[in-house]
Amino acid sequence: MDAIAASSGSQFKSPEQMADKQRDHQLRQACSDFESIILQKFLKMARESAPEGGLLDGGHAEEMYRSMQDQELAQQMAAGPGMGLGDLLYQQINNQHYNQE
């Protein structure tokens, strides 16, 4: 069985390799989620700094809509290149993890 696995190259992955790949994916997702939270806070602060007013005030419903809009926009931004905070955080955590072993 080992000869078959060795001759086939990267077709077969050990459980450790699969676990490392899963852990790497989870770490990348967590870093992206963190960046999304930071971006959402930035968007909220920017919206709060803009002057309110106008003829129509949406009240609580508009606040909820804007909050959901900011959340979705932040998630879309973080899924792309974003600000790069997620990538930097991933690299920092990954480097610390491998330097300790």
N, C-alpha and C. Protein backbone atom coordinates (compact mmCIF):
# COMPACT_ATOMS: atom_id res chain seq x y z
N MET A 1 0.82 -1.20 0.00
CA MET A 1 0.00 0.00 0.00
C MET A 1 0.87 1.26 0.00
N ASP A 2 1.98 1.23 0.78
CA ASP A 2 2.86 2.39 0.82
C ASP A 2 3.52 2.64 -0.53
N ALA A 3 3.84 1.56 -1.25
CA ALA A 3 4.45 1.71 -2.57
C ALA A 3 3.48 2.37 -3.54
N ILE A 4 2.20 2.01 -3.43
CA ILE A 4 1.20 2.61 -4.30
C ILE A 4 1.05 4.09 -3.99
N ALA A 5 0.98 4.41 -2.71
CA ALA A 5 0.83 5.81 -2.32
C ALA A 5 2.04 6.63 -2.72
N ALA A 6 3.22 6.04 -2.58
CA ALA A 6 4.45 6.75 -2.92
C ALA A 6 4.55 6.96 -4.43
N SER A 7 4.14 5.95 -5.22
CA SER A 7 4.26 6.08 -6.66
C SER A 7 3.23 7.02 -7.26
N SER A 8 2.09 7.18 -6.58
CA SER A 8 1.04 8.04 -7.13
C SER A 8 1.25 9.51 -6.79
N GLY A 9 2.24 9.82 -6.01
CA GLY A 9 2.55 11.22 -5.72
C GLY A 9 1.58 11.83 -4.73
N SER A 10 0.94 12.94 -5.12
CA SER A 10 0.11 13.70 -4.19
C SER A 10 -1.35 13.29 -4.23
N GLN A 11 -1.67 12.14 -4.85
CA GLN A 11 -3.05 11.70 -4.90
C GLN A 11 -3.59 11.41 -3.51
N PHE A 12 -2.78 10.77 -2.71
CA PHE A 12 -3.20 10.39 -1.36
C PHE A 12 -2.57 11.34 -0.36
N LYS A 13 -3.39 11.82 0.55
CA LYS A 13 -2.88 12.72 1.58
C LYS A 13 -3.06 12.08 2.94
N SER A 14 -2.07 12.29 3.77
CA SER A 14 -2.14 11.72 5.11
C SER A 14 -3.18 12.49 5.93
N PRO A 15 -3.69 11.88 6.99
CA PRO A 15 -4.64 12.59 7.85
C PRO A 15 -4.05 13.89 8.42
N GLU A 16 -2.74 13.89 8.66
CA GLU A 16 -2.10 15.10 9.18
C GLU A 16 -2.13 16.22 8.15
N GLN A 17 -1.88 15.87 6.87
CA GLN A 17 -1.92 16.87 5.82
C GLN A 17 -3.34 17.41 5.64
N MET A 18 -4.31 16.53 5.73
CA MET A 18 -5.69 16.97 5.59
C MET A 18 -6.10 17.85 6.76
N ALA A 19 -5.65 17.50 7.97
CA ALA A 19 -5.96 18.31 9.15
C ALA A 19 -5.29 19.68 9.05
N ASP A 20 -4.05 19.71 8.56
CA ASP A 20 -3.35 20.99 8.39
C ASP A 20 -4.07 21.87 7.37
N LYS A 21 -4.54 21.25 6.29
CA LYS A 21 -5.25 22.01 5.27
C LYS A 21 -6.56 22.56 5.82
N GLN A 22 -7.27 21.75 6.61
CA GLN A 22 -8.52 22.20 7.22
C GLN A 22 -8.26 23.32 8.22
N ARG A 23 -7.23 23.17 9.03
CA ARG A 23 -6.88 24.19 10.02
C ARG A 23 -6.47 25.49 9.32
N ASP A 24 -5.72 25.37 8.22
CA ASP A 24 -5.32 26.55 7.46
C ASP A 24 -6.54 27.26 6.89
N HIS A 25 -7.49 26.49 6.36
CA HIS A 25 -8.72 27.08 5.83
C HIS A 25 -9.51 27.79 6.93
N GLN A 26 -9.62 27.16 8.09
CA GLN A 26 -10.35 27.76 9.21
C GLN A 26 -9.67 29.04 9.69
N LEU A 27 -8.34 29.04 9.73
CA LEU A 27 -7.61 30.23 10.15
C LEU A 27 -7.81 31.36 9.15
N ARG A 28 -7.74 31.05 7.87
CA ARG A 28 -7.98 32.08 6.85
C ARG A 28 -9.39 32.64 6.96
N GLN A 29 -10.37 31.78 7.19
CA GLN A 29 -11.75 32.23 7.32
C GLN A 29 -11.93 33.11 8.55
N ALA A 30 -11.32 32.73 9.67
CA ALA A 30 -11.42 33.52 10.89
C ALA A 30 -10.78 34.89 10.70
N CYS A 31 -9.64 34.95 10.02
CA CYS A 31 -8.98 36.23 9.76
C CYS A 31 -9.82 37.10 8.84
N SER A 32 -10.44 36.49 7.85
CA SER A 32 -11.32 37.23 6.95
C SER A 32 -12.55 37.75 7.70
N ASP A 33 -13.10 36.92 8.57
CA ASP A 33 -14.25 37.34 9.38
C ASP A 33 -13.88 38.51 10.29
N PHE A 34 -12.68 38.45 10.88
CA PHE A 34 -12.23 39.54 11.75
C PHE A 34 -12.10 40.83 10.95
N GLU A 35 -11.52 40.73 9.75
CA GLU A 35 -11.39 41.92 8.91
C GLU A 35 -12.77 42.47 8.56
N SER A 36 -13.72 41.59 8.32
CA SER A 36 -15.08 42.01 8.01
C SER A 36 -15.68 42.80 9.17
N ILE A 37 -15.44 42.36 10.39
CA ILE A 37 -15.96 43.06 11.57
C ILE A 37 -15.34 44.46 11.67
N ILE A 38 -14.03 44.55 11.45
CA ILE A 38 -13.35 45.85 11.50
C ILE A 38 -13.88 46.77 10.41
N LEU A 39 -14.04 46.24 9.19
CA LEU A 39 -14.57 47.05 8.10
C LEU A 39 -15.99 47.53 8.40
N GLN A 40 -16.80 46.67 9.00
CA GLN A 40 -18.16 47.06 9.35
C GLN A 40 -18.16 48.20 10.36
N LYS A 41 -17.26 48.14 11.32
CA LYS A 41 -17.16 49.24 12.31
C LYS A 41 -16.74 50.54 11.62
N PHE A 42 -15.80 50.45 10.68
CA PHE A 42 -15.38 51.65 9.94
C PHE A 42 -16.54 52.24 9.15
N LEU A 43 -17.29 51.38 8.48
CA LEU A 43 -18.44 51.85 7.70
C LEU A 43 -19.48 52.51 8.61
N LYS A 44 -19.71 51.91 9.77
CA LYS A 44 -20.69 52.47 10.71
C LYS A 44 -20.23 53.84 11.20
N MET A 45 -18.95 53.96 11.55
CA MET A 45 -18.43 55.24 12.02
C MET A 45 -18.50 56.29 10.91
N ALA A 46 -18.21 55.90 9.68
CA ALA A 46 -18.28 56.85 8.57
C ALA A 46 -19.71 57.31 8.35
N ARG A 47 -20.65 56.39 8.45
CA ARG A 47 -22.06 56.74 8.26
C ARG A 47 -22.54 57.67 9.38
N GLU A 48 -22.08 57.42 10.61
CA GLU A 48 -22.50 58.26 11.74
C GLU A 48 -21.91 59.66 11.64
N SER A 49 -20.77 59.80 10.97
CA SER A 49 -20.15 61.12 10.86
C SER A 49 -20.82 61.97 9.78
N ALA A 50 -21.58 61.34 8.90
CA ALA A 50 -22.28 62.08 7.84
C ALA A 50 -23.48 62.80 8.45
N PRO A 51 -23.78 63.98 7.95
CA PRO A 51 -24.92 64.72 8.50
C PRO A 51 -26.24 64.01 8.19
N GLU A 52 -27.11 63.99 9.18
CA GLU A 52 -28.44 63.40 9.00
C GLU A 52 -29.41 64.49 8.60
N GLY A 53 -30.56 64.07 8.25
CA GLY A 53 -31.57 65.06 7.92
C GLY A 53 -32.17 64.79 6.56
N GLY A 54 -32.87 65.74 6.10
CA GLY A 54 -33.55 65.58 4.83
C GLY A 54 -35.05 65.60 5.06
N LEU A 55 -35.77 65.38 4.03
CA LEU A 55 -37.22 65.42 4.14
C LEU A 55 -37.78 64.19 4.82
N LEU A 56 -37.17 63.05 4.59
CA LEU A 56 -37.70 61.81 5.16
C LEU A 56 -36.72 61.22 6.14
N ASP A 57 -37.22 60.78 7.27
CA ASP A 57 -36.40 60.10 8.26
C ASP A 57 -36.92 58.68 8.37
N GLY A 58 -36.06 57.71 8.10
CA GLY A 58 -36.47 56.32 8.09
C GLY A 58 -36.63 55.71 9.46
N GLY A 59 -36.13 56.36 10.48
CA GLY A 59 -36.27 55.87 11.84
C GLY A 59 -35.53 54.57 12.08
N HIS A 60 -36.10 53.75 12.94
CA HIS A 60 -35.46 52.51 13.36
C HIS A 60 -35.30 51.53 12.19
N ALA A 61 -36.28 51.47 11.31
CA ALA A 61 -36.21 50.56 10.17
C ALA A 61 -35.03 50.90 9.26
N GLU A 62 -34.81 52.18 9.05
CA GLU A 62 -33.68 52.58 8.21
C GLU A 62 -32.36 52.25 8.89
N GLU A 63 -32.29 52.42 10.20
CA GLU A 63 -31.07 52.06 10.94
C GLU A 63 -30.77 50.58 10.78
N MET A 64 -31.80 49.74 10.88
CA MET A 64 -31.60 48.30 10.73
C MET A 64 -31.14 47.97 9.31
N TYR A 65 -31.76 48.59 8.33
CA TYR A 65 -31.37 48.35 6.94
C TYR A 65 -29.93 48.77 6.71
N ARG A 66 -29.56 49.93 7.18
CA ARG A 66 -28.19 50.43 7.00
C ARG A 66 -27.18 49.51 7.68
N SER A 67 -27.54 49.01 8.86
CA SER A 67 -26.66 48.09 9.57
C SER A 67 -26.45 46.80 8.77
N MET A 68 -27.53 46.26 8.23
CA MET A 68 -27.41 45.05 7.41
C MET A 68 -26.64 45.32 6.14
N GLN A 69 -26.83 46.50 5.56
CA GLN A 69 -26.11 46.88 4.35
C GLN A 69 -24.61 47.00 4.65
N ASP A 70 -24.28 47.63 5.76
CA ASP A 70 -22.87 47.76 6.14
C ASP A 70 -22.25 46.40 6.38
N GLN A 71 -22.99 45.51 7.02
CA GLN A 71 -22.48 44.17 7.30
C GLN A 71 -22.20 43.41 6.00
N GLU A 72 -23.12 43.44 5.08
CA GLU A 72 -22.94 42.74 3.80
C GLU A 72 -21.80 43.36 3.00
N LEU A 73 -21.73 44.68 2.96
CA LEU A 73 -20.65 45.35 2.24
C LEU A 73 -19.29 44.99 2.85
N ALA A 74 -19.22 44.97 4.16
CA ALA A 74 -17.96 44.61 4.84
C ALA A 74 -17.57 43.17 4.53
N GLN A 75 -18.53 42.26 4.50
CA GLN A 75 -18.22 40.86 4.18
C GLN A 75 -17.72 40.72 2.75
N GLN A 76 -18.35 41.45 1.82
CA GLN A 76 -17.91 41.40 0.43
C GLN A 76 -16.52 42.00 0.27
N MET A 77 -16.25 43.08 0.98
CA MET A 77 -14.93 43.70 0.91
C MET A 77 -13.85 42.78 1.47
N ALA A 78 -14.15 42.13 2.60
CA ALA A 78 -13.18 41.24 3.24
C ALA A 78 -12.96 39.98 2.41
N ALA A 79 -13.98 39.54 1.66
CA ALA A 79 -13.84 38.35 0.82
C ALA A 79 -12.88 38.61 -0.33
N GLY A 80 -12.80 39.85 -0.77
CA GLY A 80 -11.86 40.24 -1.82
C GLY A 80 -10.54 40.64 -1.17
N PRO A 81 -9.84 41.54 -1.79
CA PRO A 81 -8.57 41.97 -1.20
C PRO A 81 -8.74 42.77 0.09
N GLY A 82 -9.90 43.41 0.26
CA GLY A 82 -10.15 44.18 1.49
C GLY A 82 -9.07 45.20 1.75
N MET A 83 -8.77 45.41 3.02
CA MET A 83 -7.70 46.33 3.41
C MET A 83 -6.38 45.58 3.55
N GLY A 84 -6.43 44.27 3.52
CA GLY A 84 -5.24 43.47 3.71
C GLY A 84 -5.02 43.09 5.16
N LEU A 85 -5.89 43.54 6.04
CA LEU A 85 -5.74 43.24 7.45
C LEU A 85 -5.87 41.74 7.72
N GLY A 86 -6.81 41.09 7.05
CA GLY A 86 -6.99 39.64 7.23
C GLY A 86 -5.76 38.87 6.82
N ASP A 87 -5.15 39.25 5.70
CA ASP A 87 -3.93 38.58 5.24
C ASP A 87 -2.77 38.80 6.22
N LEU A 88 -2.63 40.03 6.69
CA LEU A 88 -1.56 40.31 7.66
C LEU A 88 -1.75 39.52 8.95
N LEU A 89 -2.99 39.47 9.42
CA LEU A 89 -3.29 38.73 10.63
C LEU A 89 -3.01 37.24 10.43
N TYR A 90 -3.40 36.70 9.28
CA TYR A 90 -3.14 35.29 8.97
C TYR A 90 -1.64 35.02 8.98
N GLN A 91 -0.86 35.87 8.31
CA GLN A 91 0.58 35.67 8.26
C GLN A 91 1.20 35.72 9.65
N GLN A 92 0.75 36.67 10.47
CA GLN A 92 1.29 36.82 11.81
C GLN A 92 1.00 35.58 12.66
N ILE A 93 -0.23 35.12 12.64
CA ILE A 93 -0.60 33.94 13.43
C ILE A 93 0.12 32.71 12.89
N ASN A 94 0.17 32.57 11.58
CA ASN A 94 0.82 31.42 10.96
C ASN A 94 2.30 31.40 11.30
N ASN A 95 2.97 32.56 11.24
CA ASN A 95 4.40 32.62 11.58
C ASN A 95 4.64 32.28 13.04
N GLN A 96 3.80 32.76 13.92
CA GLN A 96 3.96 32.45 15.34
C GLN A 96 3.76 30.96 15.58
N HIS A 97 2.80 30.38 14.90
CA HIS A 97 2.52 28.96 15.08
C HIS A 97 3.70 28.11 14.64
N TYR A 98 4.26 28.41 13.47
CA TYR A 98 5.37 27.60 12.95
C TYR A 98 6.69 27.89 13.65
N ASN A 99 6.86 29.08 14.20
CA ASN A 99 8.08 29.39 14.94
C ASN A 99 8.12 28.70 16.29
N GLN A 100 6.96 28.39 16.86
CA GLN A 100 6.91 27.73 18.16
C GLN A 100 7.20 26.25 18.05
N GLU A 101 6.92 25.65 16.90
CA GLU A 101 7.11 24.20 16.76
C GLU A 101 8.54 23.84 16.51
